Amino acid sequence: MLEIPLTSNLTKQDNNMSNYLDILISLKDLITYSKDLIIKYGITIYIEKWNEVKLFYYKEIDLNNVDLKTITDTEYNGLFLSSKKINLQKKISFYNDSFTDSLIEVKGGRENNLSLELIKMRTLSKSSDKIIKTFFTALQRKIQQDKRFGKGVKWGKHMYSKIYFDLQIPKKTYWGDFSKKDYEIIINSNN
Protein backbone atom coordinates (compact mmCIF):
# COMPACT_ATOMS: atom_id res chain seq x y z
CA MET A 1 0.00 0.00 0.00
CA LEU A 2 1.35 3.41 -0.97
CA GLU A 3 1.82 5.81 1.94
CA ILE A 4 1.15 9.46 1.27
CA PRO A 5 2.51 11.85 3.91
CA LEU A 6 -0.04 14.06 5.63
CA THR A 7 2.15 17.10 5.09
CA SER A 8 3.23 17.78 1.57
CA ASN A 9 6.91 17.46 0.81
CA LEU A 10 6.45 19.05 -2.60
CA THR A 11 8.50 22.11 -3.44
CA LYS A 12 6.85 25.45 -4.16
CA GLN A 13 7.27 24.73 -7.88
CA ASP A 14 5.51 21.37 -7.48
CA ASN A 15 2.56 23.01 -5.72
CA ASN A 16 2.11 25.14 -8.82
CA MET A 17 1.89 22.13 -11.13
CA SER A 18 -1.14 22.50 -13.33
CA ASN A 19 -4.22 20.35 -13.29
CA TYR A 20 -3.72 19.64 -16.98
CA LEU A 21 -1.01 18.36 -19.28
CA ASP A 22 -0.96 18.46 -23.08
CA ILE A 23 1.62 16.27 -24.78
CA LEU A 24 2.24 15.15 -28.33
CA ILE A 25 2.99 11.44 -27.95
CA SER A 26 1.11 8.27 -28.84
CA LEU A 27 -1.09 6.78 -26.13
CA LYS A 28 0.94 3.56 -26.34
CA ASP A 29 4.18 5.45 -25.71
CA LEU A 30 2.68 7.52 -22.88
CA ILE A 31 1.50 4.38 -21.04
CA THR A 32 4.87 2.71 -21.55
CA TYR A 33 6.72 5.87 -20.42
CA SER A 34 4.62 6.31 -17.27
CA LYS A 35 4.29 2.62 -16.35
CA ASP A 36 6.78 2.91 -13.45
CA LEU A 37 4.73 5.74 -11.89
CA ILE A 38 1.42 3.96 -12.55
CA ILE A 39 2.72 0.95 -10.63
CA LYS A 40 4.38 3.02 -7.87
CA TYR A 41 1.19 4.94 -7.07
CA GLY A 42 -1.24 2.05 -7.59
CA ILE A 43 -3.08 3.76 -10.45
CA THR A 44 -5.73 1.79 -12.35
CA ILE A 45 -6.35 2.52 -16.03
CA TYR A 46 -9.85 2.41 -17.46
CA ILE A 47 -10.52 2.76 -21.16
CA GLU A 48 -13.69 4.50 -22.29
CA LYS A 49 -15.20 3.18 -25.50
CA TRP A 50 -18.33 4.01 -27.44
CA ASN A 51 -20.44 2.29 -30.05
CA GLU A 52 -24.06 2.54 -31.16
CA VAL A 53 -25.07 -0.69 -29.39
CA LYS A 54 -23.34 -0.37 -26.01
CA LEU A 55 -23.08 3.43 -26.07
CA PHE A 56 -20.37 4.38 -23.52
CA TYR A 57 -18.71 1.44 -21.81
CA TYR A 58 -15.51 0.93 -19.83
CA LYS A 59 -12.83 -1.71 -19.44
CA GLU A 60 -10.00 -1.98 -16.96
CA ILE A 61 -6.58 -2.29 -18.56
CA ASP A 62 -4.14 -4.84 -17.18
CA LEU A 63 -0.66 -3.37 -17.63
CA ASN A 64 0.90 -6.82 -17.65
CA ASN A 65 -1.30 -8.15 -20.44
CA VAL A 66 -2.36 -5.33 -22.71
CA ASP A 67 -2.28 -5.02 -26.47
CA LEU A 68 -1.72 -1.28 -26.76
CA LYS A 69 -2.48 -1.30 -30.49
CA THR A 70 -6.11 -2.32 -29.91
CA ILE A 71 -6.69 0.28 -27.21
CA THR A 72 -7.19 3.08 -29.72
CA ASP A 73 -9.45 1.21 -32.12
CA THR A 74 -12.47 2.91 -33.69
CA GLU A 75 -14.47 2.63 -30.44
CA TYR A 76 -11.80 4.40 -28.33
CA ASN A 77 -13.06 7.56 -26.64
CA GLY A 78 -10.44 8.13 -23.94
CA LEU A 79 -8.85 6.82 -20.74
CA PHE A 80 -9.22 7.47 -17.06
CA LEU A 81 -6.37 7.07 -14.60
CA SER A 82 -7.78 6.35 -11.15
CA SER A 83 -6.35 6.12 -7.65
CA LYS A 84 -9.40 4.01 -6.67
CA LYS A 85 -10.80 0.74 -7.99
CA ILE A 86 -14.17 1.25 -9.66
CA ASN A 87 -16.83 -1.46 -9.95
CA LEU A 88 -17.56 -1.71 -13.67
CA GLN A 89 -20.38 -4.22 -13.15
CA LYS A 90 -22.75 -1.34 -12.41
CA LYS A 91 -23.79 1.23 -14.99
CA ILE A 92 -21.62 4.20 -14.07
CA SER A 93 -20.39 7.54 -15.26
CA PHE A 94 -16.80 8.48 -14.54
CA TYR A 95 -18.01 12.07 -14.29
CA ASN A 96 -20.06 11.21 -11.19
CA ASP A 97 -19.02 13.33 -8.18
CA SER A 98 -18.18 10.22 -6.16
CA PHE A 99 -15.31 9.42 -8.59
CA THR A 100 -13.98 12.73 -9.87
CA ASP A 101 -11.57 13.44 -7.00
CA SER A 102 -9.62 10.26 -7.84
CA LEU A 103 -9.46 10.63 -11.64
CA ILE A 104 -7.35 12.02 -14.45
CA GLU A 105 -9.13 12.18 -17.80
CA VAL A 106 -6.99 11.37 -20.85
CA LYS A 107 -8.23 12.25 -24.33
CA GLY A 108 -6.37 11.75 -27.61
CA GLY A 109 -3.22 9.80 -28.40
CA ARG A 110 -4.61 7.95 -31.38
CA GLU A 111 -2.27 7.36 -34.29
CA ASN A 112 -2.17 5.82 -37.73
CA ASN A 113 0.52 5.59 -40.41
CA LEU A 114 0.19 9.26 -41.32
CA SER A 115 -1.06 11.11 -38.23
CA LEU A 116 -0.75 11.46 -34.46
CA GLU A 117 -3.26 13.07 -32.11
CA LEU A 118 -2.35 15.34 -29.17
CA ILE A 119 -3.00 13.89 -25.70
CA LYS A 120 -4.92 16.14 -23.34
CA MET A 121 -4.83 15.15 -19.66
CA ARG A 122 -6.67 16.85 -16.82
CA THR A 123 -7.75 16.18 -13.27
CA LEU A 124 -11.52 16.11 -12.98
CA SER A 125 -11.62 17.78 -9.58
CA LYS A 126 -9.95 20.90 -8.23
CA SER A 127 -9.66 19.03 -4.93
CA SER A 128 -8.20 15.73 -6.16
CA ASP A 129 -7.15 13.11 -3.63
CA LYS A 130 -3.52 12.99 -2.49
CA ILE A 131 -2.58 9.91 -4.51
CA ILE A 132 -3.83 11.24 -7.85
CA LYS A 133 -2.30 14.70 -7.16
CA THR A 134 1.06 13.16 -6.27
CA PHE A 135 0.99 10.85 -9.31
CA PHE A 136 0.12 13.69 -11.69
CA THR A 137 2.82 15.95 -10.21
CA ALA A 138 5.39 13.13 -10.50
CA LEU A 139 4.44 12.52 -14.15
CA GLN A 140 4.67 16.23 -14.98
CA ARG A 141 8.02 16.50 -13.21
CA LYS A 142 9.36 13.43 -15.04
CA ILE A 143 8.39 14.91 -18.42
CA GLN A 144 9.74 18.39 -17.56
CA GLN A 145 13.13 17.00 -16.50
CA ASP A 146 13.51 14.51 -19.35
CA LYS A 147 15.59 15.68 -22.32
CA ARG A 148 13.44 13.36 -24.45
CA PHE A 149 10.74 16.08 -24.47
CA GLY A 150 10.60 19.52 -26.01
CA LYS A 151 8.09 22.24 -25.31
CA GLY A 152 6.23 24.67 -27.53
CA VAL A 153 4.16 24.12 -30.68
CA LYS A 154 2.31 26.17 -33.23
CA TRP A 155 -1.32 25.21 -33.57
CA GLY A 156 -3.31 27.17 -36.11
CA LYS A 157 -2.29 30.81 -35.82
CA HIS A 158 -1.10 30.59 -32.22
CA MET A 159 1.98 29.42 -30.33
CA TYR A 160 1.39 27.19 -27.29
CA SER A 161 4.42 27.24 -25.01
CA LYS A 162 3.01 24.72 -22.51
CA ILE A 163 2.43 21.80 -24.90
CA TYR A 164 5.14 19.13 -24.64
CA PHE A 165 6.19 16.84 -27.46
CA ASP A 166 8.27 13.69 -27.65
CA LEU A 167 11.45 14.43 -29.59
CA GLN A 168 11.48 10.77 -30.65
CA ILE A 169 8.08 10.76 -32.37
CA PRO A 170 8.20 9.86 -36.04
CA LYS A 171 7.51 12.53 -38.63
CA LYS A 172 3.76 12.56 -39.14
CA THR A 173 0.96 15.08 -39.39
CA TYR A 174 0.02 16.12 -35.86
CA TRP A 175 -3.56 17.04 -34.93
CA GLY A 176 -5.30 18.33 -31.83
CA ASP A 177 -8.30 16.09 -32.50
CA PHE A 178 -8.66 13.31 -35.08
CA SER A 179 -12.37 13.93 -35.48
CA LYS A 180 -11.87 17.65 -36.16
CA LYS A 181 -8.75 18.05 -38.26
CA ASP A 182 -8.96 21.80 -38.67
CA TYR A 183 -5.43 22.99 -37.83
CA GLU A 184 -2.24 20.99 -38.02
CA ILE A 185 0.14 21.19 -35.05
CA ILE A 186 3.67 22.27 -35.96
CA ILE A 187 6.51 21.41 -33.59
CA ASN A 188 8.60 24.43 -32.61
CA SER A 189 11.89 24.00 -34.49
CA ASN A 190 13.83 25.90 -31.79
CA ASN A 191 13.72 22.84 -29.47
C-alpha atoms as a PDB file:
ATOM      1  CA  MET A   1       0.000   0.000   0.000  1.00  0.00           C
ATOM      2  CA  LEU A   2       1.352   3.412  -0.966  1.00  0.00           C
ATOM      3  CA  GLU A   3       1.818   5.805   1.938  1.00  0.00           C
ATOM      4  CA  ILE A   4       1.155   9.461   1.267  1.00  0.00           C
ATOM      5  CA  PRO A   5       2.515  11.852   3.912  1.00  0.00           C
ATOM      6  CA  LEU A   6      -0.045  14.062   5.634  1.00  0.00           C
ATOM      7  CA  THR A   7       2.148  17.099   5.091  1.00  0.00           C
ATOM      8  CA  SER A   8       3.227  17.784   1.568  1.00  0.00           C
ATOM      9  CA  ASN A   9       6.910  17.458   0.806  1.00  0.00           C
ATOM     10  CA  LEU A  10       6.446  19.050  -2.597  1.00  0.00           C
ATOM     11  CA  THR A  11       8.496  22.114  -3.442  1.00  0.00           C
ATOM     12  CA  LYS A  12       6.850  25.449  -4.161  1.00  0.00           C
ATOM     13  CA  GLN A  13       7.267  24.733  -7.878  1.00  0.00           C
ATOM     14  CA  ASP A  14       5.508  21.370  -7.483  1.00  0.00           C
ATOM     15  CA  ASN A  15       2.560  23.012  -5.717  1.00  0.00           C
ATOM     16  CA  ASN A  16       2.110  25.137  -8.819  1.00  0.00           C
ATOM     17  CA  MET A  17       1.890  22.130 -11.135  1.00  0.00           C
ATOM     18  CA  SER A  18      -1.140  22.496 -13.328  1.00  0.00           C
ATOM     19  CA  ASN A  19      -4.224  20.348 -13.293  1.00  0.00           C
ATOM     20  CA  TYR A  20      -3.720  19.640 -16.978  1.00  0.00           C
ATOM     21  CA  LEU A  21      -1.010  18.355 -19.281  1.00  0.00           C
ATOM     22  CA  ASP A  22      -0.956  18.463 -23.076  1.00  0.00           C
ATOM     23  CA  ILE A  23       1.616  16.274 -24.779  1.00  0.00           C
ATOM     24  CA  LEU A  24       2.235  15.149 -28.335  1.00  0.00           C
ATOM     25  CA  ILE A  25       2.988  11.443 -27.954  1.00  0.00           C
ATOM     26  CA  SER A  26       1.111   8.275 -28.837  1.00  0.00           C
ATOM     27  CA  LEU A  27      -1.086   6.781 -26.133  1.00  0.00           C
ATOM     28  CA  LYS A  28       0.935   3.562 -26.344  1.00  0.00           C
ATOM     29  CA  ASP A  29       4.180   5.446 -25.711  1.00  0.00           C
ATOM     30  CA  LEU A  30       2.685   7.518 -22.883  1.00  0.00           C
ATOM     31  CA  ILE A  31       1.497   4.384 -21.040  1.00  0.00           C
ATOM     32  CA  THR A  32       4.873   2.710 -21.551  1.00  0.00           C
ATOM     33  CA  TYR A  33       6.716   5.869 -20.422  1.00  0.00           C
ATOM     34  CA  SER A  34       4.616   6.310 -17.270  1.00  0.00           C
ATOM     35  CA  LYS A  35       4.290   2.622 -16.349  1.00  0.00           C
ATOM     36  CA  ASP A  36       6.776   2.913 -13.449  1.00  0.00           C
ATOM     37  CA  LEU A  37       4.726   5.738 -11.894  1.00  0.00           C
ATOM     38  CA  ILE A  38       1.419   3.962 -12.548  1.00  0.00           C
ATOM     39  CA  ILE A  39       2.724   0.954 -10.626  1.00  0.00           C
ATOM     40  CA  LYS A  40       4.378   3.020  -7.865  1.00  0.00           C
ATOM     41  CA  TYR A  41       1.186   4.943  -7.069  1.00  0.00           C
ATOM     42  CA  GLY A  42      -1.241   2.048  -7.593  1.00  0.00           C
ATOM     43  CA  ILE A  43      -3.076   3.758 -10.449  1.00  0.00           C
ATOM     44  CA  THR A  44      -5.735   1.794 -12.348  1.00  0.00           C
ATOM     45  CA  ILE A  45      -6.345   2.525 -16.028  1.00  0.00           C
ATOM     46  CA  TYR A  46      -9.853   2.407 -17.459  1.00  0.00           C
ATOM     47  CA  ILE A  47     -10.519   2.761 -21.161  1.00  0.00           C
ATOM     48  CA  GLU A  48     -13.692   4.499 -22.294  1.00  0.00           C
ATOM     49  CA  LYS A  49     -15.201   3.182 -25.497  1.00  0.00           C
ATOM     50  CA  TRP A  50     -18.330   4.011 -27.441  1.00  0.00           C
ATOM     51  CA  ASN A  51     -20.444   2.295 -30.051  1.00  0.00           C
ATOM     52  CA  GLU A  52     -24.061   2.536 -31.160  1.00  0.00           C
ATOM     53  CA  VAL A  53     -25.066  -0.689 -29.392  1.00  0.00           C
ATOM     54  CA  LYS A  54     -23.342  -0.374 -26.013  1.00  0.00           C
ATOM     55  CA  LEU A  55     -23.080   3.433 -26.065  1.00  0.00           C
ATOM     56  CA  PHE A  56     -20.369   4.379 -23.523  1.00  0.00           C
ATOM     57  CA  TYR A  57     -18.708   1.442 -21.813  1.00  0.00           C
ATOM     58  CA  TYR A  58     -15.514   0.934 -19.827  1.00  0.00           C
ATOM     59  CA  LYS A  59     -12.832  -1.714 -19.443  1.00  0.00           C
ATOM     60  CA  GLU A  60     -10.001  -1.980 -16.956  1.00  0.00           C
ATOM     61  CA  ILE A  61      -6.582  -2.289 -18.558  1.00  0.00           C
ATOM     62  CA  ASP A  62      -4.142  -4.844 -17.183  1.00  0.00           C
ATOM     63  CA  LEU A  63      -0.665  -3.366 -17.630  1.00  0.00           C
ATOM     64  CA  ASN A  64       0.900  -6.823 -17.648  1.00  0.00           C
ATOM     65  CA  ASN A  65      -1.302  -8.155 -20.437  1.00  0.00           C
ATOM     66  CA  VAL A  66      -2.359  -5.331 -22.708  1.00  0.00           C
ATOM     67  CA  ASP A  67      -2.277  -5.021 -26.469  1.00  0.00           C
ATOM     68  CA  LEU A  68      -1.716  -1.285 -26.763  1.00  0.00           C
ATOM     69  CA  LYS A  69      -2.482  -1.297 -30.492  1.00  0.00           C
ATOM     70  CA  THR A  70      -6.106  -2.320 -29.913  1.00  0.00           C
ATOM     71  CA  ILE A  71      -6.690   0.284 -27.212  1.00  0.00           C
ATOM     72  CA  THR A  72      -7.187   3.075 -29.717  1.00  0.00           C
ATOM     73  CA  ASP A  73      -9.445   1.206 -32.120  1.00  0.00           C
ATOM     74  CA  THR A  74     -12.470   2.906 -33.690  1.00  0.00           C
ATOM     75  CA  GLU A  75     -14.475   2.633 -30.440  1.00  0.00           C
ATOM     76  CA  TYR A  76     -11.802   4.400 -28.328  1.00  0.00           C
ATOM     77  CA  ASN A  77     -13.058   7.561 -26.636  1.00  0.00           C
ATOM     78  CA  GLY A  78     -10.438   8.127 -23.938  1.00  0.00           C
ATOM     79  CA  LEU A  79      -8.853   6.824 -20.744  1.00  0.00           C
ATOM     80  CA  PHE A  80      -9.222   7.469 -17.062  1.00  0.00           C
ATOM     81  CA  LEU A  81      -6.371   7.069 -14.598  1.00  0.00           C
ATOM     82  CA  SER A  82      -7.777   6.353 -11.152  1.00  0.00           C
ATOM     83  CA  SER A  83      -6.350   6.123  -7.646  1.00  0.00           C
ATOM     84  CA  LYS A  84      -9.396   4.006  -6.673  1.00  0.00           C
ATOM     85  CA  LYS A  85     -10.795   0.744  -7.989  1.00  0.00           C
ATOM     86  CA  ILE A  86     -14.168   1.255  -9.663  1.00  0.00           C
ATOM     87  CA  ASN A  87     -16.827  -1.458  -9.955  1.00  0.00           C
ATOM     88  CA  LEU A  88     -17.560  -1.708 -13.671  1.00  0.00           C
ATOM     89  CA  GLN A  89     -20.382  -4.223 -13.148  1.00  0.00           C
ATOM     90  CA  LYS A  90     -22.754  -1.343 -12.414  1.00  0.00           C
ATOM     91  CA  LYS A  91     -23.788   1.231 -14.991  1.00  0.00           C
ATOM     92  CA  ILE A  92     -21.624   4.199 -14.069  1.00  0.00           C
ATOM     93  CA  SER A  93     -20.388   7.537 -15.262  1.00  0.00           C
ATOM     94  CA  PHE A  94     -16.803   8.477 -14.537  1.00  0.00           C
ATOM     95  CA  TYR A  95     -18.013  12.072 -14.286  1.00  0.00           C
ATOM     96  CA  ASN A  96     -20.059  11.214 -11.185  1.00  0.00           C
ATOM     97  CA  ASP A  97     -19.022  13.331  -8.176  1.00  0.00           C
ATOM     98  CA  SER A  98     -18.185  10.220  -6.163  1.00  0.00           C
ATOM     99  CA  PHE A  99     -15.313   9.420  -8.589  1.00  0.00           C
ATOM    100  CA  THR A 100     -13.978  12.732  -9.873  1.00  0.00           C
ATOM    101  CA  ASP A 101     -11.573  13.436  -7.000  1.00  0.00           C
ATOM    102  CA  SER A 102      -9.623  10.263  -7.843  1.00  0.00           C
ATOM    103  CA  LEU A 103      -9.456  10.635 -11.645  1.00  0.00           C
ATOM    104  CA  ILE A 104      -7.355  12.022 -14.447  1.00  0.00           C
ATOM    105  CA  GLU A 105      -9.130  12.177 -17.800  1.00  0.00           C
ATOM    106  CA  VAL A 106      -6.987  11.368 -20.853  1.00  0.00           C
ATOM    107  CA  LYS A 107      -8.227  12.253 -24.332  1.00  0.00           C
ATOM    108  CA  GLY A 108      -6.374  11.747 -27.606  1.00  0.00           C
ATOM    109  CA  GLY A 109      -3.221   9.801 -28.397  1.00  0.00           C
ATOM    110  CA  ARG A 110      -4.605   7.949 -31.385  1.00  0.00           C
ATOM    111  CA  GLU A 111      -2.270   7.358 -34.293  1.00  0.00           C
ATOM    112  CA  ASN A 112      -2.165   5.819 -37.730  1.00  0.00           C
ATOM    113  CA  ASN A 113       0.517   5.589 -40.414  1.00  0.00           C
ATOM    114  CA  LEU A 114       0.188   9.263 -41.321  1.00  0.00           C
ATOM    115  CA  SER A 115      -1.064  11.106 -38.230  1.00  0.00           C
ATOM    116  CA  LEU A 116      -0.748  11.461 -34.460  1.00  0.00           C
ATOM    117  CA  GLU A 117      -3.262  13.074 -32.106  1.00  0.00           C
ATOM    118  CA  LEU A 118      -2.348  15.339 -29.171  1.00  0.00           C
ATOM    119  CA  ILE A 119      -2.999  13.886 -25.698  1.00  0.00           C
ATOM    120  CA  LYS A 120      -4.924  16.137 -23.339  1.00  0.00           C
ATOM    121  CA  MET A 121      -4.832  15.145 -19.660  1.00  0.00           C
ATOM    122  CA  ARG A 122      -6.672  16.851 -16.816  1.00  0.00           C
ATOM    123  CA  THR A 123      -7.749  16.181 -13.273  1.00  0.00           C
ATOM    124  CA  LEU A 124     -11.522  16.110 -12.981  1.00  0.00           C
ATOM    125  CA  SER A 125     -11.619  17.779  -9.577  1.00  0.00           C
ATOM    126  CA  LYS A 126      -9.953  20.900  -8.227  1.00  0.00           C
ATOM    127  CA  SER A 127      -9.659  19.026  -4.933  1.00  0.00           C
ATOM    128  CA  SER A 128      -8.197  15.732  -6.161  1.00  0.00           C
ATOM    129  CA  ASP A 129      -7.155  13.106  -3.631  1.00  0.00           C
ATOM    130  CA  LYS A 130      -3.516  12.994  -2.487  1.00  0.00           C
ATOM    131  CA  ILE A 131      -2.583   9.913  -4.514  1.00  0.00           C
ATOM    132  CA  ILE A 132      -3.832  11.241  -7.853  1.00  0.00           C
ATOM    133  CA  LYS A 133      -2.297  14.700  -7.163  1.00  0.00           C
ATOM    134  CA  THR A 134       1.058  13.158  -6.266  1.00  0.00           C
ATOM    135  CA  PHE A 135       0.991  10.849  -9.307  1.00  0.00           C
ATOM    136  CA  PHE A 136       0.118  13.691 -11.694  1.00  0.00           C
ATOM    137  CA  THR A 137       2.816  15.949 -10.213  1.00  0.00           C
ATOM    138  CA  ALA A 138       5.385  13.131 -10.495  1.00  0.00           C
ATOM    139  CA  LEU A 139       4.436  12.523 -14.150  1.00  0.00           C
ATOM    140  CA  GLN A 140       4.668  16.230 -14.981  1.00  0.00           C
ATOM    141  CA  ARG A 141       8.022  16.502 -13.207  1.00  0.00           C
ATOM    142  CA  LYS A 142       9.364  13.427 -15.041  1.00  0.00           C
ATOM    143  CA  ILE A 143       8.390  14.909 -18.418  1.00  0.00           C
ATOM    144  CA  GLN A 144       9.740  18.386 -17.563  1.00  0.00           C
ATOM    145  CA  GLN A 145      13.131  17.005 -16.501  1.00  0.00           C
ATOM    146  CA  ASP A 146      13.510  14.508 -19.349  1.00  0.00           C
ATOM    147  CA  LYS A 147      15.586  15.684 -22.320  1.00  0.00           C
ATOM    148  CA  ARG A 148      13.436  13.360 -24.446  1.00  0.00           C
ATOM    149  CA  PHE A 149      10.741  16.077 -24.466  1.00  0.00           C
ATOM    150  CA  GLY A 150      10.595  19.517 -26.010  1.00  0.00           C
ATOM    151  CA  LYS A 151       8.093  22.236 -25.310  1.00  0.00           C
ATOM    152  CA  GLY A 152       6.232  24.666 -27.533  1.00  0.00           C
ATOM    153  CA  VAL A 153       4.165  24.120 -30.682  1.00  0.00           C
ATOM    154  CA  LYS A 154       2.314  26.174 -33.234  1.00  0.00           C
ATOM    155  CA  TRP A 155      -1.322  25.210 -33.567  1.00  0.00           C
ATOM    156  CA  GLY A 156      -3.313  27.167 -36.107  1.00  0.00           C
ATOM    157  CA  LYS A 157      -2.291  30.814 -35.825  1.00  0.00           C
ATOM    158  CA  HIS A 158      -1.099  30.591 -32.216  1.00  0.00           C
ATOM    159  CA  MET A 159       1.983  29.416 -30.327  1.00  0.00           C
ATOM    160  CA  TYR A 160       1.389  27.195 -27.289  1.00  0.00           C
ATOM    161  CA  SER A 161       4.419  27.238 -25.007  1.00  0.00           C
ATOM    162  CA  LYS A 162       3.010  24.718 -22.513  1.00  0.00           C
ATOM    163  CA  ILE A 163       2.434  21.798 -24.900  1.00  0.00           C
ATOM    164  CA  TYR A 164       5.139  19.132 -24.642  1.00  0.00           C
ATOM    165  CA  PHE A 165       6.194  16.844 -27.465  1.00  0.00           C
ATOM    166  CA  ASP A 166       8.266  13.693 -27.648  1.00  0.00           C
ATOM    167  CA  LEU A 167      11.450  14.433 -29.586  1.00  0.00           C
ATOM    168  CA  GLN A 168      11.481  10.767 -30.655  1.00  0.00           C
ATOM    169  CA  ILE A 169       8.077  10.761 -32.373  1.00  0.00           C
ATOM    170  CA  PRO A 170       8.201   9.856 -36.038  1.00  0.00           C
ATOM    171  CA  LYS A 171       7.509  12.533 -38.635  1.00  0.00           C
ATOM    172  CA  LYS A 172       3.761  12.563 -39.138  1.00  0.00           C
ATOM    173  CA  THR A 173       0.964  15.078 -39.391  1.00  0.00           C
ATOM    174  CA  TYR A 174       0.023  16.122 -35.855  1.00  0.00           C
ATOM    175  CA  TRP A 175      -3.556  17.037 -34.929  1.00  0.00           C
ATOM    176  CA  GLY A 176      -5.304  18.334 -31.829  1.00  0.00           C
ATOM    177  CA  ASP A 177      -8.302  16.091 -32.504  1.00  0.00           C
ATOM    178  CA  PHE A 178      -8.662  13.315 -35.077  1.00  0.00           C
ATOM    179  CA  SER A 179     -12.374  13.931 -35.478  1.00  0.00           C
ATOM    180  CA  LYS A 180     -11.873  17.647 -36.158  1.00  0.00           C
ATOM    181  CA  LYS A 181      -8.748  18.046 -38.260  1.00  0.00           C
ATOM    182  CA  ASP A 182      -8.962  21.798 -38.674  1.00  0.00           C
ATOM    183  CA  TYR A 183      -5.433  22.986 -37.828  1.00  0.00           C
ATOM    184  CA  GLU A 184      -2.236  20.987 -38.016  1.00  0.00           C
ATOM    185  CA  ILE A 185       0.141  21.189 -35.048  1.00  0.00           C
ATOM    186  CA  ILE A 186       3.667  22.270 -35.963  1.00  0.00           C
ATOM    187  CA  ILE A 187       6.512  21.415 -33.591  1.00  0.00           C
ATOM    188  CA  ASN A 188       8.603  24.430 -32.607  1.00  0.00           C
ATOM    189  CA  SER A 189      11.893  24.004 -34.492  1.00  0.00           C
ATOM    190  CA  ASN A 190      13.828  25.896 -31.789  1.00  0.00           C
ATOM    191  CA  ASN A 191      13.723  22.838 -29.466  1.00  0.00           C
END
